[in-house]
Amino acid sequence: MLSGDEKETTITMYGQDKEFEIFSAKPTIIKSLLDHKHFDLLWARVIGDDKKHRVKDREKLLEMDGQIVALEGRMPIGVLTVKSKPRANNHQSSIVSSETIDSSVFE
């Protein structure tokens, strides 16, 4: 298992894409992404029963026993914001918010 300092989160987008890809191995971000209604799972790595599983189905993932140690997925560009003022805290877990999003940003 990786230490906390080795667990990364990456955000990738290209050119005129309408979605970005996000990968994370940080437990707090994984939980927030799975709770976000606009997160589309591509795959997740689950460790349990002394086995590693690569799961691509979100429903199956939520029913599995074991620990989700990493995942990758897509989200609409409209949910991503870089603010002019910093948040009140500097915790990575706060980068994923589930606040209400105006659906017009996806048009």
PDB file of N, CA and C in Angstrom:
ATOM      1  N   MET A   1       0.834  -1.186   0.000  1.00  0.00           N
ATOM      2  CA  MET A   1       0.000   0.000   0.000  1.00  0.00           C
ATOM      3  C   MET A   1       0.880   1.252   0.000  1.00  0.00           C
ATOM      4  N   LEU A   2       0.398   2.277  -0.638  1.00  0.00           N
ATOM      5  CA  LEU A   2       1.131   3.533  -0.701  1.00  0.00           C
ATOM      6  C   LEU A   2       0.883   4.366   0.552  1.00  0.00           C
ATOM      7  N   SER A   3       1.865   5.185   0.896  1.00  0.00           N
ATOM      8  CA  SER A   3       1.669   6.113   2.006  1.00  0.00           C
ATOM      9  C   SER A   3       0.814   7.279   1.514  1.00  0.00           C
ATOM     10  N   GLY A   4       0.323   8.087   2.436  1.00  0.00           N
ATOM     11  CA  GLY A   4      -0.506   9.235   2.068  1.00  0.00           C
ATOM     12  C   GLY A   4       0.187  10.196   1.125  1.00  0.00           C
ATOM     13  N   ASP A   5       1.497  10.360   1.293  1.00  0.00           N
ATOM     14  CA  ASP A   5       2.251  11.269   0.427  1.00  0.00           C
ATOM     15  C   ASP A   5       2.417  10.726  -0.986  1.00  0.00           C
ATOM     16  N   GLU A   6       2.225   9.432  -1.180  1.00  0.00           N
ATOM     17  CA  GLU A   6       2.396   8.816  -2.498  1.00  0.00           C
ATOM     18  C   GLU A   6       1.081   8.695  -3.264  1.00  0.00           C
ATOM     19  N   LYS A   7      -0.036   8.952  -2.609  1.00  0.00           N
ATOM     20  CA  LYS A   7      -1.345   8.819  -3.266  1.00  0.00           C
ATOM     21  C   LYS A   7      -1.642  10.098  -4.036  1.00  0.00           C
ATOM     22  N   GLU A   8      -1.857   9.940  -5.332  1.00  0.00           N
ATOM     23  CA  GLU A   8      -2.005  11.114  -6.166  1.00  0.00           C
ATOM     24  C   GLU A   8      -3.416  11.255  -6.714  1.00  0.00           C
ATOM     25  N   THR A   9      -3.683  12.458  -7.186  1.00  0.00           N
ATOM     26  CA  THR A   9      -4.904  12.773  -7.918  1.00  0.00           C
ATOM     27  C   THR A   9      -4.474  13.564  -9.146  1.00  0.00           C
ATOM     28  N   THR A  10      -4.980  13.170 -10.314  1.00  0.00           N
ATOM     29  CA  THR A  10      -4.651  13.896 -11.536  1.00  0.00           C
ATOM     30  C   THR A  10      -5.925  14.242 -12.285  1.00  0.00           C
ATOM     31  N   ILE A  11      -5.902  15.392 -12.928  1.00  0.00           N
ATOM     32  CA  ILE A  11      -7.007  15.849 -13.780  1.00  0.00           C
ATOM     33  C   ILE A  11      -6.418  16.102 -15.154  1.00  0.00           C
ATOM     34  N   THR A  12      -7.049  15.532 -16.186  1.00  0.00           N
ATOM     35  CA  THR A  12      -6.539  15.644 -17.551  1.00  0.00           C
ATOM     36  C   THR A  12      -7.659  16.044 -18.502  1.00  0.00           C
ATOM     37  N   MET A  13      -7.368  17.009 -19.372  1.00  0.00           N
ATOM     38  CA  MET A  13      -8.312  17.375 -20.433  1.00  0.00           C
ATOM     39  C   MET A  13      -7.530  17.818 -21.658  1.00  0.00           C
ATOM     40  N   TYR A  14      -8.140  17.632 -22.805  1.00  0.00           N
ATOM     41  CA  TYR A  14      -7.476  17.938 -24.074  1.00  0.00           C
ATOM     42  C   TYR A  14      -8.343  18.875 -24.902  1.00  0.00           C
ATOM     43  N   GLY A  15      -7.701  19.783 -25.611  1.00  0.00           N
ATOM     44  CA  GLY A  15      -8.320  20.627 -26.623  1.00  0.00           C
ATOM     45  C   GLY A  15      -9.735  21.054 -26.343  1.00  0.00           C
ATOM     46  N   GLN A  16     -10.642  20.629 -27.198  1.00  0.00           N
ATOM     47  CA  GLN A  16     -12.041  21.048 -27.133  1.00  0.00           C
ATOM     48  C   GLN A  16     -12.936  20.040 -26.397  1.00  0.00           C
ATOM     49  N   ASP A  17     -12.348  19.169 -25.593  1.00  0.00           N
ATOM     50  CA  ASP A  17     -13.133  18.162 -24.868  1.00  0.00           C
ATOM     51  C   ASP A  17     -14.219  18.806 -24.025  1.00  0.00           C
ATOM     52  N   LYS A  18     -15.336  18.135 -23.919  1.00  0.00           N
ATOM     53  CA  LYS A  18     -16.441  18.570 -23.061  1.00  0.00           C
ATOM     54  C   LYS A  18     -16.380  17.887 -21.700  1.00  0.00           C
ATOM     55  N   GLU A  19     -15.449  16.943 -21.547  1.00  0.00           N
ATOM     56  CA  GLU A  19     -15.265  16.235 -20.289  1.00  0.00           C
ATOM     57  C   GLU A  19     -13.784  16.218 -19.934  1.00  0.00           C
ATOM     58  N   PHE A  20     -13.496  16.048 -18.651  1.00  0.00           N
ATOM     59  CA  PHE A  20     -12.120  15.827 -18.224  1.00  0.00           C
ATOM     60  C   PHE A  20     -12.056  14.479 -17.534  1.00  0.00           C
ATOM     61  N   GLU A  21     -10.879  13.896 -17.506  1.00  0.00           N
ATOM     62  CA  GLU A  21     -10.681  12.640 -16.789  1.00  0.00           C
ATOM     63  C   GLU A  21     -10.017  12.955 -15.462  1.00  0.00           C
ATOM     64  N   ILE A  22     -10.421  12.217 -14.440  1.00  0.00           N
ATOM     65  CA  ILE A  22      -9.828  12.388 -13.126  1.00  0.00           C
ATOM     66  C   ILE A  22      -9.470  11.014 -12.571  1.00  0.00           C
ATOM     67  N   PHE A  23      -8.259  10.920 -12.046  1.00  0.00           N
ATOM     68  CA  PHE A  23      -7.766   9.706 -11.399  1.00  0.00           C
ATOM     69  C   PHE A  23      -7.438  10.082  -9.965  1.00  0.00           C
ATOM     70  N   SER A  24      -7.752   9.205  -9.019  1.00  0.00           N
ATOM     71  CA  SER A  24      -7.340   9.452  -7.647  1.00  0.00           C
ATOM     72  C   SER A  24      -7.093   8.150  -6.903  1.00  0.00           C
ATOM     73  N   ALA A  25      -6.099   8.215  -6.028  1.00  0.00           N
ATOM     74  CA  ALA A  25      -5.816   7.119  -5.105  1.00  0.00           C
ATOM     75  C   ALA A  25      -5.987   7.604  -3.663  1.00  0.00           C
ATOM     76  N   LYS A  26      -6.560   8.794  -3.491  1.00  0.00           N
ATOM     77  CA  LYS A  26      -6.784   9.360  -2.159  1.00  0.00           C
ATOM     78  C   LYS A  26      -8.198   9.005  -1.691  1.00  0.00           C
ATOM     79  N   PRO A  27      -8.318   8.305  -0.573  1.00  0.00           N
ATOM     80  CA  PRO A  27      -9.626   7.831  -0.103  1.00  0.00           C
ATOM     81  C   PRO A  27     -10.710   8.906   0.009  1.00  0.00           C
ATOM     82  N   THR A  28     -10.372  10.095   0.512  1.00  0.00           N
ATOM     83  CA  THR A  28     -11.394  11.135   0.671  1.00  0.00           C
ATOM     84  C   THR A  28     -11.900  11.634  -0.676  1.00  0.00           C
ATOM     85  N   ILE A  29     -11.023  11.700  -1.654  1.00  0.00           N
ATOM     86  CA  ILE A  29     -11.441  12.142  -2.991  1.00  0.00           C
ATOM     87  C   ILE A  29     -12.229  11.038  -3.686  1.00  0.00           C
ATOM     88  N   ILE A  30     -11.805   9.793  -3.525  1.00  0.00           N
ATOM     89  CA  ILE A  30     -12.546   8.655  -4.089  1.00  0.00           C
ATOM     90  C   ILE A  30     -13.990   8.675  -3.597  1.00  0.00           C
ATOM     91  N   LYS A  31     -14.171   8.841  -2.295  1.00  0.00           N
ATOM     92  CA  LYS A  31     -15.518   8.868  -1.714  1.00  0.00           C
ATOM     93  C   LYS A  31     -16.335  10.014  -2.295  1.00  0.00           C
ATOM     94  N   SER A  32     -15.742  11.202  -2.374  1.00  0.00           N
ATOM     95  CA  SER A  32     -16.456  12.367  -2.912  1.00  0.00           C
ATOM     96  C   SER A  32     -16.831  12.183  -4.375  1.00  0.00           C
ATOM     97  N   LEU A  33     -15.933  11.601  -5.169  1.00  0.00           N
ATOM     98  CA  LEU A  33     -16.240  11.363  -6.577  1.00  0.00           C
ATOM     99  C   LEU A  33     -17.385  10.370  -6.729  1.00  0.00           C
ATOM    100  N   LEU A  34     -17.366   9.298  -5.963  1.00  0.00           N
ATOM    101  CA  LEU A  34     -18.440   8.299  -6.058  1.00  0.00           C
ATOM    102  C   LEU A  34     -19.780   8.860  -5.597  1.00  0.00           C
ATOM    103  N   ASP A  35     -19.758   9.870  -4.732  1.00  0.00           N
ATOM    104  CA  ASP A  35     -20.994  10.513  -4.272  1.00  0.00           C
ATOM    105  C   ASP A  35     -21.501  11.573  -5.243  1.00  0.00           C
ATOM    106  N   HIS A  36     -20.656  11.984  -6.190  1.00  0.00           N
ATOM    107  CA  HIS A  36     -20.999  13.075  -7.117  1.00  0.00           C
ATOM    108  C   HIS A  36     -21.850  12.538  -8.263  1.00  0.00           C
ATOM    109  N   LYS A  37     -22.997  13.149  -8.494  1.00  0.00           N
ATOM    110  CA  LYS A  37     -23.921  12.614  -9.512  1.00  0.00           C
ATOM    111  C   LYS A  37     -23.412  12.774 -10.942  1.00  0.00           C
ATOM    112  N   HIS A  38     -22.411  13.624 -11.168  1.00  0.00           N
ATOM    113  CA  HIS A  38     -21.885  13.815 -12.525  1.00  0.00           C
ATOM    114  C   HIS A  38     -20.621  13.001 -12.793  1.00  0.00           C
ATOM    115  N   PHE A  39     -20.224  12.165 -11.842  1.00  0.00           N
ATOM    116  CA  PHE A  39     -19.024  11.344 -12.019  1.00  0.00           C
ATOM    117  C   PHE A  39     -19.378  10.064 -12.766  1.00  0.00           C
ATOM    118  N   ASP A  40     -18.674   9.820 -13.872  1.00  0.00           N
ATOM    119  CA  ASP A  40     -18.871   8.622 -14.688  1.00  0.00           C
ATOM    120  C   ASP A  40     -17.642   7.725 -14.520  1.00  0.00           C
ATOM    121  N   LEU A  41     -17.805   6.611 -13.836  1.00  0.00           N
ATOM    122  CA  LEU A  41     -16.709   5.702 -13.540  1.00  0.00           C
ATOM    123  C   LEU A  41     -16.188   5.023 -14.802  1.00  0.00           C
ATOM    124  N   LEU A  42     -14.868   5.047 -14.993  1.00  0.00           N
ATOM    125  CA  LEU A  42     -14.224   4.272 -16.051  1.00  0.00           C
ATOM    126  C   LEU A  42     -13.721   2.953 -15.479  1.00  0.00           C
ATOM    127  N   TRP A  43     -13.074   3.012 -14.312  1.00  0.00           N
ATOM    128  CA  TRP A  43     -12.615   1.797 -13.635  1.00  0.00           C
ATOM    129  C   TRP A  43     -12.245   2.137 -12.189  1.00  0.00           C
ATOM    130  N   ALA A  44     -12.246   1.110 -11.366  1.00  0.00           N
ATOM    131  CA  ALA A  44     -11.795   1.241  -9.978  1.00  0.00           C
ATOM    132  C   ALA A  44     -10.995   0.001  -9.614  1.00  0.00           C
ATOM    133  N   ARG A  45      -9.998   0.179  -8.768  1.00  0.00           N
ATOM    134  CA  ARG A  45      -9.203  -0.947  -8.264  1.00  0.00           C
ATOM    135  C   ARG A  45      -9.665  -1.218  -6.832  1.00  0.00           C
ATOM    136  N   VAL A  46     -10.085  -2.464  -6.587  1.00  0.00           N
ATOM    137  CA  VAL A  46     -10.586  -2.869  -5.279  1.00  0.00           C
ATOM    138  C   VAL A  46      -9.704  -3.993  -4.748  1.00  0.00           C
ATOM    139  N   ILE A  47      -9.300  -3.865  -3.502  1.00  0.00           N
ATOM    140  CA  ILE A  47      -8.528  -4.923  -2.848  1.00  0.00           C
ATOM    141  C   ILE A  47      -9.402  -5.540  -1.763  1.00  0.00           C
ATOM    142  N   GLY A  48      -9.563  -6.845  -1.836  1.00  0.00           N
ATOM    143  CA  GLY A  48     -10.342  -7.573  -0.844  1.00  0.00           C
ATOM    144  C   GLY A  48     -10.135  -9.053  -0.999  1.00  0.00           C
ATOM    145  N   ASP A  49     -10.345  -9.807   0.060  1.00  0.00           N
ATOM    146  CA  ASP A  49     -10.175 -11.264   0.013  1.00  0.00           C
ATOM    147  C   ASP A  49      -8.811 -11.663  -0.541  1.00  0.00           C
ATOM    148  N   ASP A  50      -7.787 -10.887  -0.205  1.00  0.00           N
ATOM    149  CA  ASP A  50      -6.422 -11.137  -0.684  1.00  0.00           C
ATOM    150  C   ASP A  50      -6.320 -11.133  -2.204  1.00  0.00           C
ATOM    151  N   LYS A  51      -7.270 -10.469  -2.867  1.00  0.00           N
ATOM    152  CA  LYS A  51      -7.259 -10.372  -4.324  1.00  0.00           C
ATOM    153  C   LYS A  51      -7.440  -8.917  -4.729  1.00  0.00           C
ATOM    154  N   LYS A  52      -6.954  -8.588  -5.925  1.00  0.00           N
ATOM    155  CA  LYS A  52      -7.171  -7.271  -6.506  1.00  0.00           C
ATOM    156  C   LYS A  52      -8.169  -7.411  -7.644  1.00  0.00           C
ATOM    157  N   HIS A  53      -9.115  -6.511  -7.692  1.00  0.00           N
ATOM    158  CA  HIS A  53     -10.132  -6.532  -8.742  1.00  0.00           C
ATOM    159  C   HIS A  53     -10.126  -5.190  -9.468  1.00  0.00           C
ATOM    160  N   ARG A  54     -10.315  -5.222 -10.770  1.00  0.00           N
ATOM    161  CA  ARG A  54     -10.501  -4.006 -11.571  1.00  0.00           C
ATOM    162  C   ARG A  54     -11.961  -4.013 -11.995  1.00  0.00           C
ATOM    163  N   VAL A  55     -12.706  -3.040 -11.508  1.00  0.00           N
ATOM    164  CA  VAL A  55     -14.160  -3.008 -11.708  1.00  0.00           C
ATOM    165  C   VAL A  55     -14.517  -1.825 -12.597  1.00  0.00           C
ATOM    166  N   LYS A  56     -15.344  -2.066 -13.613  1.00  0.00           N
ATOM    167  CA  LYS A  56     -15.748  -1.005 -14.527  1.00  0.00           C
ATOM    168  C   LYS A  56     -17.213  -0.618 -14.376  1.00  0.00           C
ATOM    169  N   ASP A  57     -17.968  -1.395 -13.615  1.00  0.00           N
ATOM    170  CA  ASP A  57     -19.394  -1.140 -13.434  1.00  0.00           C
ATOM    171  C   ASP A  57     -19.638  -0.515 -12.060  1.00  0.00           C
ATOM    172  N   ARG A  58     -20.211   0.677 -12.045  1.00  0.00           N
ATOM    173  CA  ARG A  58     -20.416   1.412 -10.788  1.00  0.00           C
ATOM    174  C   ARG A  58     -21.336   0.669  -9.827  1.00  0.00           C
ATOM    175  N   GLU A  59     -22.404   0.088 -10.336  1.00  0.00           N
ATOM    176  CA  GLU A  59     -23.335  -0.654  -9.474  1.00  0.00           C
ATOM    177  C   GLU A  59     -22.639  -1.855  -8.833  1.00  0.00           C
ATOM    178  N   LYS A  60     -21.870  -2.575  -9.622  1.00  0.00           N
ATOM    179  CA  LYS A  60     -21.130  -3.728  -9.097  1.00  0.00           C
ATOM    180  C   LYS A  60     -20.105  -3.269  -8.055  1.00  0.00           C
ATOM    181  N   LEU A  61     -19.465  -2.137  -8.320  1.00  0.00           N
ATOM    182  CA  LEU A  61     -18.475  -1.601  -7.403  1.00  0.00           C
ATOM    183  C   LEU A  61     -19.085  -1.318  -6.036  1.00  0.00           C
ATOM    184  N   LEU A  62     -20.251  -0.712  -6.022  1.00  0.00           N
ATOM    185  CA  LEU A  62     -20.890  -0.340  -4.762  1.00  0.00           C
ATOM    186  C   LEU A  62     -21.361  -1.559  -3.975  1.00  0.00           C
ATOM    187  N   GLU A  63     -21.533  -2.692  -4.640  1.00  0.00           N
ATOM    188  CA  GLU A  63     -21.968  -3.920  -3.972  1.00  0.00           C
ATOM    189  C   GLU A  63     -20.800  -4.775  -3.483  1.00  0.00           C
ATOM    190  N   MET A  64     -19.579  -4.460  -3.916  1.00  0.00           N
ATOM    191  CA  MET A  64     -18.417  -5.289  -3.590  1.00  0.00           C
ATOM    192  C   MET A  64     -17.917  -5.040  -2.182  1.00  0.00           C
ATOM    193  N   ASP A  65     -17.377  -6.109  -1.583  1.00  0.00           N
ATOM    194  CA  ASP A  65     -16.648  -5.976  -0.333  1.00  0.00           C
ATOM    195  C   ASP A  65     -15.195  -5.685  -0.689  1.00  0.00           C
ATOM    196  N   GLY A  66     -14.529  -4.983   0.153  1.00  0.00           N
ATOM    197  CA  GLY A  66     -13.138  -4.658  -0.087  1.00  0.00           C
ATOM    198  C   GLY A  66     -12.925  -3.165  -0.064  1.00  0.00           C
ATOM    199  N   GLN A  67     -11.697  -2.756  -0.240  1.00  0.00           N
ATOM    200  CA  GLN A  67     -11.323  -1.353  -0.184  1.00  0.00           C
ATOM    201  C   GLN A  67     -11.041  -0.839  -1.587  1.00  0.00           C
ATOM    202  N   ILE A  68     -11.678   0.275  -1.947  1.00  0.00           N
ATOM    203  CA  ILE A  68     -11.402   0.928  -3.225  1.00  0.00           C
ATOM    204  C   ILE A  68     -10.122   1.737  -3.032  1.00  0.00           C
ATOM    205  N   VAL A  69      -9.063   1.358  -3.736  1.00  0.00           N
ATOM    206  CA  VAL A  69      -7.766   2.013  -3.532  1.00  0.00           C
ATOM    207  C   VAL A  69      -7.420   3.015  -4.632  1.00  0.00           C
ATOM    208  N   ALA A  70      -8.141   2.978  -5.747  1.00  0.00           N
ATOM    209  CA  ALA A  70      -7.915   3.937  -6.833  1.00  0.00           C
ATOM    210  C   ALA A  70      -9.099   3.868  -7.785  1.00  0.00           C
ATOM    211  N   LEU A  71      -9.312   4.972  -8.482  1.00  0.00           N
ATOM    212  CA  LEU A  71     -10.339   4.966  -9.525  1.00  0.00           C
ATOM    213  C   LEU A  71     -10.039   6.020 -10.559  1.00  0.00           C
ATOM    214  N   GLU A  72     -10.697   5.869 -11.706  1.00  0.00           N
ATOM    215  CA  GLU A  72     -10.603   6.853 -12.779  1.00  0.00           C
ATOM    216  C   GLU A  72     -11.976   7.014 -13.376  1.00  0.00           C
ATOM    217  N   GLY A  73     -12.295   8.235 -13.758  1.00  0.00           N
ATOM    218  CA  GLY A  73     -13.589   8.492 -14.353  1.00  0.00           C
ATOM    219  C   GLY A  73     -13.588   9.793 -15.125  1.00  0.00           C
ATOM    220  N   ARG A  74     -14.775  10.145 -15.611  1.00  0.00           N
ATOM    221  CA  ARG A  74     -14.957  11.380 -16.387  1.00  0.00           C
ATOM    222  C   ARG A  74     -16.009  12.240 -15.725  1.00  0.00           C
ATOM    223  N   MET A  75     -15.857  13.540 -15.928  1.00  0.00           N
ATOM    224  CA  MET A  75     -16.854  14.498 -15.466  1.00  0.00           C
ATOM    225  C   MET A  75     -16.954  15.610 -16.507  1.00  0.00           C
ATOM    226  N   PRO A  76     -18.111  16.270 -16.591  1.00  0.00           N
ATOM    227  CA  PRO A  76     -18.245  17.392 -17.522  1.00  0.00           C
ATOM    228  C   PRO A  76     -17.328  18.545 -17.120  1.00  0.00           C
ATOM    229  N   ILE A  77     -16.751  19.219 -18.105  1.00  0.00           N
ATOM    230  CA  ILE A  77     -15.892  20.372 -17.840  1.00  0.00           C
ATOM    231  C   ILE A  77     -16.639  21.400 -16.992  1.00  0.00           C
ATOM    232  N   GLY A  78     -17.943  21.490 -17.141  1.00  0.00           N
ATOM    233  CA  GLY A  78     -18.740  22.477 -16.415  1.00  0.00           C
ATOM    234  C   GLY A  78     -18.694  22.357 -14.910  1.00  0.00           C
ATOM    235  N   VAL A  79     -18.263  21.228 -14.374  1.00  0.00           N
ATOM    236  CA  VAL A  79     -18.184  21.100 -12.915  1.00  0.00           C
ATOM    237  C   VAL A  79     -16.833  21.547 -12.373  1.00  0.00           C
ATOM    238  N   LEU A  80     -15.874  21.819 -13.251  1.00  0.00           N
ATOM    239  CA  LEU A  80     -14.511  22.165 -12.831  1.00  0.00           C
ATOM    240  C   LEU A  80     -14.356  23.684 -12.735  1.00  0.00           C
ATOM    241  N   THR A  81     -13.813  24.158 -11.609  1.00  0.00           N
ATOM    242  CA  THR A  81     -13.614  25.583 -11.390  1.00  0.00           C
ATOM    243  C   THR A  81     -12.260  25.830 -10.753  1.00  0.00           C
ATOM    244  N   VAL A  82     -11.567  26.842 -11.227  1.00  0.00           N
ATOM    245  CA  VAL A  82     -10.385  27.343 -10.541  1.00  0.00           C
ATOM    246  C   VAL A  82     -10.777  28.736 -10.063  1.00  0.00           C
ATOM    247  N   LYS A  83     -10.835  28.905  -8.758  1.00  0.00           N
ATOM    248  CA  LYS A  83     -11.349  30.145  -8.182  1.00  0.00           C
ATOM    249  C   LYS A  83     -10.263  31.214  -8.058  1.00  0.00           C
ATOM    250  N   SER A  84     -10.695  32.463  -8.035  1.00  0.00           N
ATOM    251  CA  SER A  84      -9.749  33.568  -7.862  1.00  0.00           C
ATOM    252  C   SER A  84      -9.319  33.728  -6.411  1.00  0.00           C
ATOM    253  N   LYS A  85     -10.137  33.220  -5.484  1.00  0.00           N
ATOM    254  CA  LYS A  85      -9.795  33.261  -4.065  1.00  0.00           C
ATOM    255  C   LYS A  85      -9.674  31.831  -3.545  1.00  0.00           C
ATOM    256  N   PRO A  86      -8.722  31.569  -2.665  1.00  0.00           N
ATOM    257  CA  PRO A  86      -8.574  30.221  -2.112  1.00  0.00           C
ATOM    258  C   PRO A  86      -9.769  29.842  -1.233  1.00  0.00           C
ATOM    259  N   ARG A  87      -9.971  28.536  -1.092  1.00  0.00           N
ATOM    260  CA  ARG A  87     -10.985  28.026  -0.161  1.00  0.00           C
ATOM    261  C   ARG A  87     -10.587  28.389   1.261  1.00  0.00           C
ATOM    262  N   ALA A  88     -11.506  28.194   2.182  1.00  0.00           N
ATOM    263  CA  ALA A  88     -11.224  28.476   3.596  1.00  0.00           C
ATOM    264  C   ALA A  88     -10.222  27.477   4.171  1.00  0.00           C
ATOM    265  N   ASN A  89     -10.074  26.307   3.529  1.00  0.00           N
ATOM    266  CA  ASN A  89      -9.099  25.325   4.004  1.00  0.00           C
ATOM    267  C   ASN A  89      -8.231  24.879   2.831  1.00  0.00           C
ATOM    268  N   ASN A  90      -7.178  24.187   3.133  1.00  0.00           N
ATOM    269  CA  ASN A  90      -6.243  23.742   2.106  1.00  0.00           C
ATOM    270  C   ASN A  90      -6.215  22.218   2.003  1.00  0.00           C
ATOM    271  N   HIS A  91      -7.362  21.579   2.283  1.00  0.00           N
ATOM    272  CA  HIS A  91      -7.447  20.125   2.247  1.00  0.00           C
ATOM    273  C   HIS A  91      -7.798  19.640   0.846  1.00  0.00           C
ATOM    274  N   GLN A  92      -7.074  18.637   0.359  1.00  0.00           N
ATOM    275  CA  GLN A  92      -7.372  18.086  -0.967  1.00  0.00           C
ATOM    276  C   GLN A  92      -8.785  17.521  -1.037  1.00  0.00           C
ATOM    277  N   SER A  93      -9.292  17.005   0.063  1.00  0.00           N
ATOM    278  CA  SER A  93     -10.635  16.416   0.056  1.00  0.00           C
ATOM    279  C   SER A  93     -11.706  17.442  -0.307  1.00  0.00           C
ATOM    280  N   SER A  94     -11.401  18.718  -0.189  1.00  0.00           N
ATOM    281  CA  SER A  94     -12.380  19.771  -0.480  1.00  0.00           C
ATOM    282  C   SER A  94     -12.452  20.141  -1.952  1.00  0.00           C
ATOM    283  N   ILE A  95     -11.629  19.545  -2.799  1.00  0.00           N
ATOM    284  CA  ILE A  95     -11.663  19.937  -4.212  1.00  0.00           C
ATOM    285  C   ILE A  95     -12.891  19.403  -4.927  1.00  0.00           C
ATOM    286  N   VAL A  96     -13.513  18.339  -4.402  1.00  0.00           N
ATOM    287  CA  VAL A  96     -14.719  17.793  -5.016  1.00  0.00           C
ATOM    288  C   VAL A  96     -15.904  18.243  -4.186  1.00  0.00           C
ATOM    289  N   SER A  97     -16.785  19.010  -4.818  1.00  0.00           N
ATOM    290  CA  SER A  97     -17.962  19.534  -4.142  1.00  0.00           C
ATOM    291  C   SER A  97     -19.210  18.966  -4.801  1.00  0.00           C
ATOM    292  N   SER A  98     -20.235  18.760  -4.017  1.00  0.00           N
ATOM    293  CA  SER A  98     -21.486  18.255  -4.591  1.00  0.00           C
ATOM    294  C   SER A  98     -22.576  19.319  -4.551  1.00  0.00           C
ATOM    295  N   GLU A  99     -22.163  20.596  -4.533  1.00  0.00           N
ATOM    296  CA  GLU A  99     -23.150  21.666  -4.533  1.00  0.00           C
ATOM    297  C   GLU A  99     -23.938  21.639  -5.840  1.00  0.00           C
ATOM    298  N   THR A 100     -25.101  22.234  -5.834  1.00  0.00           N
ATOM    299  CA  THR A 100     -25.982  22.230  -6.998  1.00  0.00           C
ATOM    300  C   THR A 100     -25.312  22.923  -8.185  1.00  0.00           C
ATOM    301  N   ILE A 101     -25.432  22.311  -9.345  1.00  0.00           N
ATOM    302  CA  ILE A 101     -24.811  22.830 -10.558  1.00  0.00           C
ATOM    303  C   ILE A 101     -25.910  23.218 -11.534  1.00  0.00           C
ATOM    304  N   ASP A 102     -25.801  24.399 -12.112  1.00  0.00           N
ATOM    305  CA  ASP A 102     -26.755  24.870 -13.116  1.00  0.00           C
ATOM    306  C   ASP A 102     -26.580  24.019 -14.373  1.00  0.00           C
ATOM    307  N   SER A 103     -27.618  23.311 -14.771  1.00  0.00           N
ATOM    308  CA  SER A 103     -27.503  22.378 -15.906  1.00  0.00           C
ATOM    309  C   SER A 103     -27.173  23.085 -17.226  1.00  0.00           C
ATOM    310  N   SER A 104     -27.363  24.404 -17.316  1.00  0.00           N
ATOM    311  CA  SER A 104     -27.063  25.118 -18.565  1.00  0.00           C
ATOM    312  C   SER A 104     -25.569  25.091 -18.891  1.00  0.00           C
ATOM    313  N   VAL A 105     -24.705  24.833 -17.902  1.00  0.00           N
ATOM    314  CA  VAL A 105     -23.275  24.791 -18.185  1.00  0.00           C
ATOM    315  C   VAL A 105     -22.910  23.604 -19.058  1.00  0.00           C
ATOM    316  N   PHE A 106     -23.795  22.614 -19.172  1.00  0.00           N
ATOM    317  CA  PHE A 106     -23.502  21.418 -19.954  1.00  0.00           C
ATOM    318  C   PHE A 106     -23.980  21.534 -21.393  1.00  0.00           C
ATOM    319  N   GLU A 107     -24.613  22.642 -21.741  1.00  0.00           N
ATOM    320  CA  GLU A 107     -25.166  22.799 -23.101  1.00  0.00           C
ATOM    321  C   GLU A 107     -24.141  23.344 -24.055  1.00  0.00           C
TER     322      GLU A 107
END
